[in-house]
Amino acid sequence: VLSHALHYGTAVLEGTKVHDTPQGPAVFRLDAHLARLYRSAK
């Protein structure tokens, strides 16, 4: 309950999606989302 982010909003997030494809489930543009997560954190 005393996590810093809960009190001061010090967190970064990403929303990414998995879609069903003919080759099975796949994450759409996963590395682009992770790259933005790292940019936001920095």
PDB file of all heavy atoms in Angstrom:
ATOM      1  N   VAL A   1       0.819  -1.211   0.000  1.00  0.00           N
ATOM      2  CA  VAL A   1       0.000   0.000   0.000  1.00  0.00           C
ATOM      3  C   VAL A   1       0.856   1.265   0.000  1.00  0.00           C
ATOM      4  O   VAL A   1       0.390   2.339  -0.406  1.00  0.00           O
ATOM      5  CB  VAL A   1      -0.969  -0.011   1.204  1.00  0.00           C
ATOM      6  CG1 VAL A   1      -0.210   0.196   2.518  1.00  0.00           C
ATOM      7  CG2 VAL A   1      -2.055   1.051   1.049  1.00  0.00           C
ATOM      8  N   LEU A   2       2.106   1.149   0.418  1.00  0.00           N
ATOM      9  CA  LEU A   2       3.003   2.302   0.407  1.00  0.00           C
ATOM     10  C   LEU A   2       3.920   2.313  -0.820  1.00  0.00           C
ATOM     11  O   LEU A   2       4.941   2.989  -0.819  1.00  0.00           O
ATOM     12  CB  LEU A   2       3.837   2.343   1.699  1.00  0.00           C
ATOM     13  CG  LEU A   2       3.041   2.610   2.986  1.00  0.00           C
ATOM     14  CD1 LEU A   2       3.977   2.679   4.193  1.00  0.00           C
ATOM     15  CD2 LEU A   2       2.233   3.897   2.876  1.00  0.00           C
ATOM     16  N   SER A   3       3.547   1.599  -1.838  1.00  0.00           N
ATOM     17  CA  SER A   3       4.312   1.667  -3.089  1.00  0.00           C
ATOM     18  C   SER A   3       4.329   3.111  -3.604  1.00  0.00           C
ATOM     19  O   SER A   3       3.294   3.796  -3.625  1.00  0.00           O
ATOM     20  CB  SER A   3       3.687   0.754  -4.146  1.00  0.00           C
ATOM     21  OG  SER A   3       3.826  -0.598  -3.779  1.00  0.00           O
ATOM     22  N   HIS A   4       5.493   3.554  -4.018  1.00  0.00           N
ATOM     23  CA  HIS A   4       5.662   4.944  -4.437  1.00  0.00           C
ATOM     24  C   HIS A   4       4.728   5.303  -5.593  1.00  0.00           C
ATOM     25  O   HIS A   4       4.133   6.394  -5.622  1.00  0.00           O
ATOM     26  CB  HIS A   4       7.122   5.184  -4.835  1.00  0.00           C
ATOM     27  CG  HIS A   4       7.480   6.626  -4.989  1.00  0.00           C
ATOM     28  ND1 HIS A   4       7.393   7.297  -6.183  1.00  0.00           N
ATOM     29  CD2 HIS A   4       7.908   7.537  -4.071  1.00  0.00           C
ATOM     30  CE1 HIS A   4       7.780   8.542  -6.024  1.00  0.00           C
ATOM     31  NE2 HIS A   4       8.096   8.724  -4.748  1.00  0.00           N
ATOM     32  N   ALA A   5       4.567   4.381  -6.532  1.00  0.00           N
ATOM     33  CA  ALA A   5       3.739   4.668  -7.706  1.00  0.00           C
ATOM     34  C   ALA A   5       2.279   4.892  -7.336  1.00  0.00           C
ATOM     35  O   ALA A   5       1.580   5.668  -8.003  1.00  0.00           O
ATOM     36  CB  ALA A   5       3.852   3.526  -8.710  1.00  0.00           C
ATOM     37  N   LEU A   6       1.802   4.239  -6.291  1.00  0.00           N
ATOM     38  CA  LEU A   6       0.417   4.400  -5.863  1.00  0.00           C
ATOM     39  C   LEU A   6       0.164   5.815  -5.362  1.00  0.00           C
ATOM     40  O   LEU A   6      -0.912   6.376  -5.543  1.00  0.00           O
ATOM     41  CB  LEU A   6       0.089   3.371  -4.772  1.00  0.00           C
ATOM     42  CG  LEU A   6      -1.339   3.370  -4.222  1.00  0.00           C
ATOM     43  CD1 LEU A   6      -2.346   3.070  -5.335  1.00  0.00           C
ATOM     44  CD2 LEU A   6      -1.468   2.342  -3.106  1.00  0.00           C
ATOM     45  N   HIS A   7       1.178   6.414  -4.772  1.00  0.00           N
ATOM     46  CA  HIS A   7       1.036   7.747  -4.191  1.00  0.00           C
ATOM     47  C   HIS A   7       1.400   8.862  -5.174  1.00  0.00           C
ATOM     48  O   HIS A   7       0.823   9.950  -5.125  1.00  0.00           O
ATOM     49  CB  HIS A   7       1.913   7.872  -2.944  1.00  0.00           C
ATOM     50  CG  HIS A   7       1.483   6.968  -1.835  1.00  0.00           C
ATOM     51  ND1 HIS A   7       0.774   7.406  -0.740  1.00  0.00           N
ATOM     52  CD2 HIS A   7       1.651   5.627  -1.662  1.00  0.00           C
ATOM     53  CE1 HIS A   7       0.521   6.387   0.066  1.00  0.00           C
ATOM     54  NE2 HIS A   7       1.046   5.286  -0.476  1.00  0.00           N
ATOM     55  N   TYR A   8       2.349   8.601  -6.064  1.00  0.00           N
ATOM     56  CA  TYR A   8       2.897   9.677  -6.887  1.00  0.00           C
ATOM     57  C   TYR A   8       2.865   9.407  -8.392  1.00  0.00           C
ATOM     58  O   TYR A   8       3.359  10.211  -9.176  1.00  0.00           O
ATOM     59  CB  TYR A   8       4.338   9.983  -6.454  1.00  0.00           C
ATOM     60  CG  TYR A   8       4.453  10.357  -4.993  1.00  0.00           C
ATOM     61  CD1 TYR A   8       5.050   9.489  -4.073  1.00  0.00           C
ATOM     62  CD2 TYR A   8       3.945  11.568  -4.520  1.00  0.00           C
ATOM     63  CE1 TYR A   8       5.149   9.824  -2.727  1.00  0.00           C
ATOM     64  CE2 TYR A   8       4.040  11.915  -3.179  1.00  0.00           C
ATOM     65  CZ  TYR A   8       4.641  11.037  -2.279  1.00  0.00           C
ATOM     66  OH  TYR A   8       4.729  11.381  -0.955  1.00  0.00           O
ATOM     67  N   GLY A   9       2.322   8.285  -8.817  1.00  0.00           N
ATOM     68  CA  GLY A   9       2.181   8.028 -10.246  1.00  0.00           C
ATOM     69  C   GLY A   9       3.464   7.725 -10.980  1.00  0.00           C
ATOM     70  O   GLY A   9       3.561   7.960 -12.188  1.00  0.00           O
ATOM     71  N   THR A  10       4.469   7.190 -10.259  1.00  0.00           N
ATOM     72  CA  THR A  10       5.767   6.919 -10.886  1.00  0.00           C
ATOM     73  C   THR A  10       5.779   5.522 -11.500  1.00  0.00           C
ATOM     74  O   THR A  10       6.355   4.578 -10.950  1.00  0.00           O
ATOM     75  CB  THR A  10       6.895   7.062  -9.851  1.00  0.00           C
ATOM     76  OG1 THR A  10       6.510   6.337  -8.655  1.00  0.00           O
ATOM     77  CG2 THR A  10       7.129   8.515  -9.497  1.00  0.00           C
ATOM     78  N   ALA A  11       5.133   5.412 -12.631  1.00  0.00           N
ATOM     79  CA  ALA A  11       5.063   4.132 -13.335  1.00  0.00           C
ATOM     80  C   ALA A  11       4.889   4.389 -14.817  1.00  0.00           C
ATOM     81  O   ALA A  11       4.403   5.449 -15.237  1.00  0.00           O
ATOM     82  CB  ALA A  11       3.907   3.284 -12.796  1.00  0.00           C
ATOM     83  N   VAL A  12       5.296   3.424 -15.614  1.00  0.00           N
ATOM     84  CA  VAL A  12       5.077   3.465 -17.061  1.00  0.00           C
ATOM     85  C   VAL A  12       4.376   2.185 -17.466  1.00  0.00           C
ATOM     86  O   VAL A  12       4.495   1.151 -16.797  1.00  0.00           O
ATOM     87  CB  VAL A  12       6.388   3.642 -17.853  1.00  0.00           C
ATOM     88  CG1 VAL A  12       7.003   5.003 -17.571  1.00  0.00           C
ATOM     89  CG2 VAL A  12       7.392   2.535 -17.518  1.00  0.00           C
ATOM     90  N   LEU A  13       3.639   2.240 -18.548  1.00  0.00           N
ATOM     91  CA  LEU A  13       2.842   1.085 -18.950  1.00  0.00           C
ATOM     92  C   LEU A  13       2.813   0.946 -20.461  1.00  0.00           C
ATOM     93  O   LEU A  13       3.130   1.882 -21.197  1.00  0.00           O
ATOM     94  CB  LEU A  13       1.416   1.211 -18.425  1.00  0.00           C
ATOM     95  CG  LEU A  13       0.507   2.260 -19.086  1.00  0.00           C
ATOM     96  CD1 LEU A  13      -0.952   1.871 -18.955  1.00  0.00           C
ATOM     97  CD2 LEU A  13       0.723   3.641 -18.474  1.00  0.00           C
ATOM     98  N   GLU A  14       2.391  -0.216 -20.890  1.00  0.00           N
ATOM     99  CA  GLU A  14       2.133  -0.486 -22.298  1.00  0.00           C
ATOM    100  C   GLU A  14       0.891  -1.357 -22.414  1.00  0.00           C
ATOM    101  O   GLU A  14       0.625  -2.198 -21.550  1.00  0.00           O
ATOM    102  CB  GLU A  14       3.312  -1.201 -22.964  1.00  0.00           C
ATOM    103  CG  GLU A  14       4.410  -0.281 -23.447  1.00  0.00           C
ATOM    104  CD  GLU A  14       3.955   0.710 -24.499  1.00  0.00           C
ATOM    105  OE1 GLU A  14       3.170   0.323 -25.396  1.00  0.00           O
ATOM    106  OE2 GLU A  14       4.382   1.877 -24.420  1.00  0.00           O
ATOM    107  N   GLY A  15       0.132  -1.145 -23.464  1.00  0.00           N
ATOM    108  CA  GLY A  15      -0.979  -2.012 -23.805  1.00  0.00           C
ATOM    109  C   GLY A  15      -0.685  -2.649 -25.149  1.00  0.00           C
ATOM    110  O   GLY A  15      -0.463  -1.950 -26.140  1.00  0.00           O
ATOM    111  N   THR A  16      -0.634  -3.957 -25.184  1.00  0.00           N
ATOM    112  CA  THR A  16      -0.283  -4.699 -26.392  1.00  0.00           C
ATOM    113  C   THR A  16      -1.360  -5.756 -26.606  1.00  0.00           C
ATOM    114  O   THR A  16      -2.119  -6.063 -25.689  1.00  0.00           O
ATOM    115  CB  THR A  16       1.103  -5.358 -26.225  1.00  0.00           C
ATOM    116  OG1 THR A  16       2.003  -4.404 -25.680  1.00  0.00           O
ATOM    117  CG2 THR A  16       1.671  -5.841 -27.536  1.00  0.00           C
ATOM    118  N   LYS A  17      -1.471  -6.290 -27.803  1.00  0.00           N
ATOM    119  CA  LYS A  17      -2.541  -7.247 -28.067  1.00  0.00           C
ATOM    120  C   LYS A  17      -2.041  -8.492 -28.776  1.00  0.00           C
ATOM    121  O   LYS A  17      -1.118  -8.449 -29.600  1.00  0.00           O
ATOM    122  CB  LYS A  17      -3.635  -6.594 -28.913  1.00  0.00           C
ATOM    123  CG  LYS A  17      -4.962  -6.525 -28.176  1.00  0.00           C
ATOM    124  CD  LYS A  17      -6.075  -5.990 -29.042  1.00  0.00           C
ATOM    125  CE  LYS A  17      -7.409  -6.289 -28.377  1.00  0.00           C
ATOM    126  NZ  LYS A  17      -8.544  -5.797 -29.164  1.00  0.00           N
ATOM    127  N   VAL A  18      -2.693  -9.598 -28.436  1.00  0.00           N
ATOM    128  CA  VAL A  18      -2.482 -10.869 -29.118  1.00  0.00           C
ATOM    129  C   VAL A  18      -3.696 -11.131 -30.000  1.00  0.00           C
ATOM    130  O   VAL A  18      -4.840 -10.968 -29.562  1.00  0.00           O
ATOM    131  CB  VAL A  18      -2.318 -12.022 -28.106  1.00  0.00           C
ATOM    132  CG1 VAL A  18      -2.270 -13.369 -28.816  1.00  0.00           C
ATOM    133  CG2 VAL A  18      -1.070 -11.817 -27.255  1.00  0.00           C
ATOM    134  N   HIS A  19      -3.440 -11.532 -31.238  1.00  0.00           N
ATOM    135  CA  HIS A  19      -4.514 -11.850 -32.176  1.00  0.00           C
ATOM    136  C   HIS A  19      -4.349 -13.280 -32.672  1.00  0.00           C
ATOM    137  O   HIS A  19      -3.224 -13.789 -32.800  1.00  0.00           O
ATOM    138  CB  HIS A  19      -4.489 -10.889 -33.373  1.00  0.00           C
ATOM    139  CG  HIS A  19      -4.716  -9.460 -33.006  1.00  0.00           C
ATOM    140  ND1 HIS A  19      -5.965  -8.879 -32.968  1.00  0.00           N
ATOM    141  CD2 HIS A  19      -3.840  -8.479 -32.664  1.00  0.00           C
ATOM    142  CE1 HIS A  19      -5.859  -7.616 -32.623  1.00  0.00           C
ATOM    143  NE2 HIS A  19      -4.585  -7.343 -32.435  1.00  0.00           N
ATOM    144  N   ASP A  20      -5.447 -13.899 -32.967  1.00  0.00           N
ATOM    145  CA  ASP A  20      -5.425 -15.232 -33.555  1.00  0.00           C
ATOM    146  C   ASP A  20      -5.056 -15.122 -35.028  1.00  0.00           C
ATOM    147  O   ASP A  20      -5.580 -14.253 -35.742  1.00  0.00           O
ATOM    148  CB  ASP A  20      -6.787 -15.899 -33.390  1.00  0.00           C
ATOM    149  CG  ASP A  20      -6.706 -17.408 -33.555  1.00  0.00           C
ATOM    150  OD1 ASP A  20      -5.577 -17.934 -33.596  1.00  0.00           O
ATOM    151  OD2 ASP A  20      -7.765 -18.052 -33.639  1.00  0.00           O
ATOM    152  N   THR A  21      -4.160 -15.945 -35.500  1.00  0.00           N
ATOM    153  CA  THR A  21      -3.735 -15.944 -36.893  1.00  0.00           C
ATOM    154  C   THR A  21      -3.750 -17.376 -37.413  1.00  0.00           C
ATOM    155  O   THR A  21      -3.860 -18.328 -36.630  1.00  0.00           O
ATOM    156  CB  THR A  21      -2.301 -15.373 -37.049  1.00  0.00           C
ATOM    157  OG1 THR A  21      -1.350 -16.375 -36.650  1.00  0.00           O
ATOM    158  CG2 THR A  21      -2.099 -14.121 -36.202  1.00  0.00           C
ATOM    159  N   PRO A  22      -3.619 -17.569 -38.729  1.00  0.00           N
ATOM    160  CA  PRO A  22      -3.573 -18.934 -39.271  1.00  0.00           C
ATOM    161  C   PRO A  22      -2.420 -19.759 -38.700  1.00  0.00           C
ATOM    162  O   PRO A  22      -2.467 -20.990 -38.697  1.00  0.00           O
ATOM    163  CB  PRO A  22      -3.397 -18.719 -40.778  1.00  0.00           C
ATOM    164  CG  PRO A  22      -4.006 -17.380 -41.027  1.00  0.00           C
ATOM    165  CD  PRO A  22      -3.682 -16.564 -39.814  1.00  0.00           C
ATOM    166  N   GLN A  23      -1.383 -19.096 -38.207  1.00  0.00           N
ATOM    167  CA  GLN A  23      -0.240 -19.795 -37.623  1.00  0.00           C
ATOM    168  C   GLN A  23      -0.340 -19.888 -36.097  1.00  0.00           C
ATOM    169  O   GLN A  23       0.611 -20.296 -35.433  1.00  0.00           O
ATOM    170  CB  GLN A  23       1.067 -19.076 -37.997  1.00  0.00           C
ATOM    171  CG  GLN A  23       1.461 -19.210 -39.454  1.00  0.00           C
ATOM    172  CD  GLN A  23       0.585 -18.357 -40.369  1.00  0.00           C
ATOM    173  OE1 GLN A  23       0.270 -17.218 -40.043  1.00  0.00           O
ATOM    174  NE2 GLN A  23       0.206 -18.909 -41.513  1.00  0.00           N
ATOM    175  N   GLY A  24      -1.478 -19.498 -35.528  1.00  0.00           N
ATOM    176  CA  GLY A  24      -1.643 -19.507 -34.082  1.00  0.00           C
ATOM    177  C   GLY A  24      -1.596 -18.113 -33.511  1.00  0.00           C
ATOM    178  O   GLY A  24      -1.413 -17.127 -34.230  1.00  0.00           O
ATOM    179  N   PRO A  25      -1.759 -17.974 -32.193  1.00  0.00           N
ATOM    180  CA  PRO A  25      -1.758 -16.647 -31.576  1.00  0.00           C
ATOM    181  C   PRO A  25      -0.425 -15.944 -31.763  1.00  0.00           C
ATOM    182  O   PRO A  25       0.641 -16.565 -31.685  1.00  0.00           O
ATOM    183  CB  PRO A  25      -2.052 -16.928 -30.104  1.00  0.00           C
ATOM    184  CG  PRO A  25      -1.715 -18.363 -29.896  1.00  0.00           C
ATOM    185  CD  PRO A  25      -1.971 -19.045 -31.200  1.00  0.00           C
ATOM    186  N   ALA A  26      -0.492 -14.615 -31.993  1.00  0.00           N
ATOM    187  CA  ALA A  26       0.715 -13.826 -32.209  1.00  0.00           C
ATOM    188  C   ALA A  26       0.524 -12.445 -31.600  1.00  0.00           C
ATOM    189  O   ALA A  26      -0.567 -11.877 -31.648  1.00  0.00           O
ATOM    190  CB  ALA A  26       1.037 -13.709 -33.697  1.00  0.00           C
ATOM    191  N   VAL A  27       1.595 -11.914 -31.029  1.00  0.00           N
ATOM    192  CA  VAL A  27       1.572 -10.576 -30.444  1.00  0.00           C
ATOM    193  C   VAL A  27       1.845  -9.564 -31.551  1.00  0.00           C
ATOM    194  O   VAL A  27       2.788  -9.714 -32.335  1.00  0.00           O
ATOM    195  CB  VAL A  27       2.620 -10.431 -29.331  1.00  0.00           C
ATOM    196  CG1 VAL A  27       2.428  -9.094 -28.606  1.00  0.00           C
ATOM    197  CG2 VAL A  27       2.545 -11.589 -28.350  1.00  0.00           C
ATOM    198  N   PHE A  28       1.023  -8.509 -31.595  1.00  0.00           N
ATOM    199  CA  PHE A  28       1.163  -7.511 -32.645  1.00  0.00           C
ATOM    200  C   PHE A  28       2.121  -6.408 -32.210  1.00  0.00           C
ATOM    201  O   PHE A  28       1.910  -5.744 -31.206  1.00  0.00           O
ATOM    202  CB  PHE A  28      -0.197  -6.914 -32.993  1.00  0.00           C
ATOM    203  CG  PHE A  28      -0.170  -5.998 -34.192  1.00  0.00           C
ATOM    204  CD1 PHE A  28       0.087  -6.504 -35.457  1.00  0.00           C
ATOM    205  CD2 PHE A  28      -0.385  -4.640 -34.053  1.00  0.00           C
ATOM    206  CE1 PHE A  28       0.115  -5.674 -36.578  1.00  0.00           C
ATOM    207  CE2 PHE A  28      -0.372  -3.800 -35.160  1.00  0.00           C
ATOM    208  CZ  PHE A  28      -0.115  -4.316 -36.423  1.00  0.00           C
ATOM    209  N   ARG A  29       3.207  -6.268 -32.943  1.00  0.00           N
ATOM    210  CA  ARG A  29       4.214  -5.228 -32.763  1.00  0.00           C
ATOM    211  C   ARG A  29       4.755  -5.199 -31.329  1.00  0.00           C
ATOM    212  O   ARG A  29       4.900  -4.140 -30.704  1.00  0.00           O
ATOM    213  CB  ARG A  29       3.677  -3.864 -33.203  1.00  0.00           C
ATOM    214  CG  ARG A  29       3.255  -3.839 -34.673  1.00  0.00           C
ATOM    215  CD  ARG A  29       3.136  -2.438 -35.250  1.00  0.00           C
ATOM    216  NE  ARG A  29       4.439  -1.788 -35.297  1.00  0.00           N
ATOM    217  CZ  ARG A  29       4.615  -0.542 -35.773  1.00  0.00           C
ATOM    218  NH1 ARG A  29       3.570   0.137 -36.236  1.00  0.00           N
ATOM    219  NH2 ARG A  29       5.812   0.001 -35.779  1.00  0.00           N
ATOM    220  N   LEU A  30       5.077  -6.367 -30.834  1.00  0.00           N
ATOM    221  CA  LEU A  30       5.564  -6.507 -29.464  1.00  0.00           C
ATOM    222  C   LEU A  30       6.820  -5.680 -29.227  1.00  0.00           C
ATOM    223  O   LEU A  30       6.932  -4.965 -28.226  1.00  0.00           O
ATOM    224  CB  LEU A  30       5.837  -7.985 -29.156  1.00  0.00           C
ATOM    225  CG  LEU A  30       6.531  -8.296 -27.824  1.00  0.00           C
ATOM    226  CD1 LEU A  30       5.731  -7.764 -26.651  1.00  0.00           C
ATOM    227  CD2 LEU A  30       6.776  -9.792 -27.691  1.00  0.00           C
ATOM    228  N   ASP A  31       7.793  -5.777 -30.116  1.00  0.00           N
ATOM    229  CA  ASP A  31       9.063  -5.090 -29.875  1.00  0.00           C
ATOM    230  C   ASP A  31       8.912  -3.573 -29.935  1.00  0.00           C
ATOM    231  O   ASP A  31       9.614  -2.846 -29.225  1.00  0.00           O
ATOM    232  CB  ASP A  31      10.128  -5.572 -30.866  1.00  0.00           C
ATOM    233  CG  ASP A  31      10.587  -6.993 -30.549  1.00  0.00           C
ATOM    234  OD1 ASP A  31      10.759  -7.294 -29.354  1.00  0.00           O
ATOM    235  OD2 ASP A  31      10.749  -7.800 -31.478  1.00  0.00           O
ATOM    236  N   ALA A  32       7.990  -3.069 -30.755  1.00  0.00           N
ATOM    237  CA  ALA A  32       7.731  -1.629 -30.790  1.00  0.00           C
ATOM    238  C   ALA A  32       7.148  -1.164 -29.454  1.00  0.00           C
ATOM    239  O   ALA A  32       7.493  -0.092 -28.940  1.00  0.00           O
ATOM    240  CB  ALA A  32       6.786  -1.286 -31.936  1.00  0.00           C
ATOM    241  N   HIS A  33       6.252  -1.966 -28.894  1.00  0.00           N
ATOM    242  CA  HIS A  33       5.670  -1.614 -27.601  1.00  0.00           C
ATOM    243  C   HIS A  33       6.717  -1.664 -26.496  1.00  0.00           C
ATOM    244  O   HIS A  33       6.761  -0.773 -25.622  1.00  0.00           O
ATOM    245  CB  HIS A  33       4.513  -2.555 -27.273  1.00  0.00           C
ATOM    246  CG  HIS A  33       3.238  -2.207 -27.975  1.00  0.00           C
ATOM    247  ND1 HIS A  33       2.418  -1.191 -27.549  1.00  0.00           N
ATOM    248  CD2 HIS A  33       2.646  -2.732 -29.068  1.00  0.00           C
ATOM    249  CE1 HIS A  33       1.371  -1.107 -28.343  1.00  0.00           C
ATOM    250  NE2 HIS A  33       1.491  -2.034 -29.283  1.00  0.00           N
ATOM    251  N   LEU A  34       7.566  -2.682 -26.496  1.00  0.00           N
ATOM    252  CA  LEU A  34       8.602  -2.768 -25.477  1.00  0.00           C
ATOM    253  C   LEU A  34       9.611  -1.630 -25.616  1.00  0.00           C
ATOM    254  O   LEU A  34      10.083  -1.083 -24.612  1.00  0.00           O
ATOM    255  CB  LEU A  34       9.312  -4.117 -25.549  1.00  0.00           C
ATOM    256  CG  LEU A  34       8.490  -5.330 -25.100  1.00  0.00           C
ATOM    257  CD1 LEU A  34       9.298  -6.614 -25.296  1.00  0.00           C
ATOM    258  CD2 LEU A  34       8.047  -5.196 -23.646  1.00  0.00           C
ATOM    259  N   ALA A  35       9.924  -1.249 -26.845  1.00  0.00           N
ATOM    260  CA  ALA A  35      10.845  -0.136 -27.055  1.00  0.00           C
ATOM    261  C   ALA A  35      10.266   1.149 -26.477  1.00  0.00           C
ATOM    262  O   ALA A  35      10.990   1.952 -25.862  1.00  0.00           O
ATOM    263  CB  ALA A  35      11.138   0.029 -28.550  1.00  0.00           C
ATOM    264  N   ARG A  36       8.957   1.356 -26.651  1.00  0.00           N
ATOM    265  CA  ARG A  36       8.340   2.557 -26.083  1.00  0.00           C
ATOM    266  C   ARG A  36       8.320   2.489 -24.564  1.00  0.00           C
ATOM    267  O   ARG A  36       8.470   3.509 -23.884  1.00  0.00           O
ATOM    268  CB  ARG A  36       6.926   2.758 -26.642  1.00  0.00           C
ATOM    269  CG  ARG A  36       6.317   4.098 -26.248  1.00  0.00           C
ATOM    270  CD  ARG A  36       5.004   4.377 -26.946  1.00  0.00           C
ATOM    271  NE  ARG A  36       3.978   3.399 -26.590  1.00  0.00           N
ATOM    272  CZ  ARG A  36       2.732   3.427 -27.073  1.00  0.00           C
ATOM    273  NH1 ARG A  36       2.372   4.360 -27.939  1.00  0.00           N
ATOM    274  NH2 ARG A  36       1.861   2.508 -26.712  1.00  0.00           N
ATOM    275  N   LEU A  37       8.138   1.285 -24.002  1.00  0.00           N
ATOM    276  CA  LEU A  37       8.182   1.133 -22.552  1.00  0.00           C
ATOM    277  C   LEU A  37       9.530   1.592 -22.009  1.00  0.00           C
ATOM    278  O   LEU A  37       9.589   2.324 -21.004  1.00  0.00           O
ATOM    279  CB  LEU A  37       7.932  -0.331 -22.175  1.00  0.00           C
ATOM    280  CG  LEU A  37       7.878  -0.633 -20.673  1.00  0.00           C
ATOM    281  CD1 LEU A  37       6.568  -0.149 -20.073  1.00  0.00           C
ATOM    282  CD2 LEU A  37       8.050  -2.133 -20.414  1.00  0.00           C
ATOM    283  N   TYR A  38      10.603   1.199 -22.677  1.00  0.00           N
ATOM    284  CA  TYR A  38      11.937   1.595 -22.230  1.00  0.00           C
ATOM    285  C   TYR A  38      12.157   3.094 -22.415  1.00  0.00           C
ATOM    286  O   TYR A  38      12.787   3.749 -21.562  1.00  0.00           O
ATOM    287  CB  TYR A  38      13.010   0.789 -22.962  1.00  0.00           C
ATOM    288  CG  TYR A  38      13.216  -0.578 -22.364  1.00  0.00           C
ATOM    289  CD1 TYR A  38      12.450  -1.667 -22.789  1.00  0.00           C
ATOM    290  CD2 TYR A  38      14.139  -0.782 -21.349  1.00  0.00           C
ATOM    291  CE1 TYR A  38      12.612  -2.920 -22.223  1.00  0.00           C
ATOM    292  CE2 TYR A  38      14.307  -2.039 -20.777  1.00  0.00           C
ATOM    293  CZ  TYR A  38      13.537  -3.095 -21.216  1.00  0.00           C
ATOM    294  OH  TYR A  38      13.696  -4.336 -20.637  1.00  0.00           O
ATOM    295  N   ARG A  39      11.651   3.672 -23.504  1.00  0.00           N
ATOM    296  CA  ARG A  39      11.773   5.121 -23.692  1.00  0.00           C
ATOM    297  C   ARG A  39      11.027   5.871 -22.595  1.00  0.00           C
ATOM    298  O   ARG A  39      11.539   6.836 -22.025  1.00  0.00           O
ATOM    299  CB  ARG A  39      11.240   5.535 -25.062  1.00  0.00           C
ATOM    300  CG  ARG A  39      12.084   5.100 -26.235  1.00  0.00           C
ATOM    301  CD  ARG A  39      11.736   5.878 -27.501  1.00  0.00           C
ATOM    302  NE  ARG A  39      10.343   5.746 -27.885  1.00  0.00           N
ATOM    303  CZ  ARG A  39       9.867   4.775 -28.668  1.00  0.00           C
ATOM    304  NH1 ARG A  39      10.684   3.843 -29.129  1.00  0.00           N
ATOM    305  NH2 ARG A  39       8.587   4.724 -28.993  1.00  0.00           N
ATOM    306  N   SER A  40       9.807   5.418 -22.309  1.00  0.00           N
ATOM    307  CA  SER A  40       9.012   6.071 -21.272  1.00  0.00           C
ATOM    308  C   SER A  40       9.722   5.992 -19.926  1.00  0.00           C
ATOM    309  O   SER A  40       9.769   6.978 -19.171  1.00  0.00           O
ATOM    310  CB  SER A  40       7.640   5.403 -21.171  1.00  0.00           C
ATOM    311  OG  SER A  40       6.900   5.553 -22.374  1.00  0.00           O
ATOM    312  N   ALA A  41      10.277   4.820 -19.608  1.00  0.00           N
ATOM    313  CA  ALA A  41      10.977   4.642 -18.338  1.00  0.00           C
ATOM    314  C   ALA A  41      12.182   5.575 -18.239  1.00  0.00           C
ATOM    315  O   ALA A  41      12.430   6.189 -17.193  1.00  0.00           O
ATOM    316  CB  ALA A  41      11.409   3.186 -18.186  1.00  0.00           C
ATOM    317  N   LYS A  42      12.914   5.689 -19.332  1.00  0.00           N
ATOM    318  CA  LYS A  42      14.087   6.566 -19.321  1.00  0.00           C
ATOM    319  C   LYS A  42      13.688   8.014 -19.114  1.00  0.00           C
ATOM    320  O   LYS A  42      14.349   8.763 -18.378  1.00  0.00           O
ATOM    321  CB  LYS A  42      14.861   6.407 -20.639  1.00  0.00           C
ATOM    322  CG  LYS A  42      16.186   7.153 -20.658  1.00  0.00           C
ATOM    323  CD  LYS A  42      16.993   6.811 -21.896  1.00  0.00           C
ATOM    324  CE  LYS A  42      18.358   7.468 -21.860  1.00  0.00           C
ATOM    325  NZ  LYS A  42      19.172   7.115 -23.053  1.00  0.00           N
TER     326      LYS A  42
END
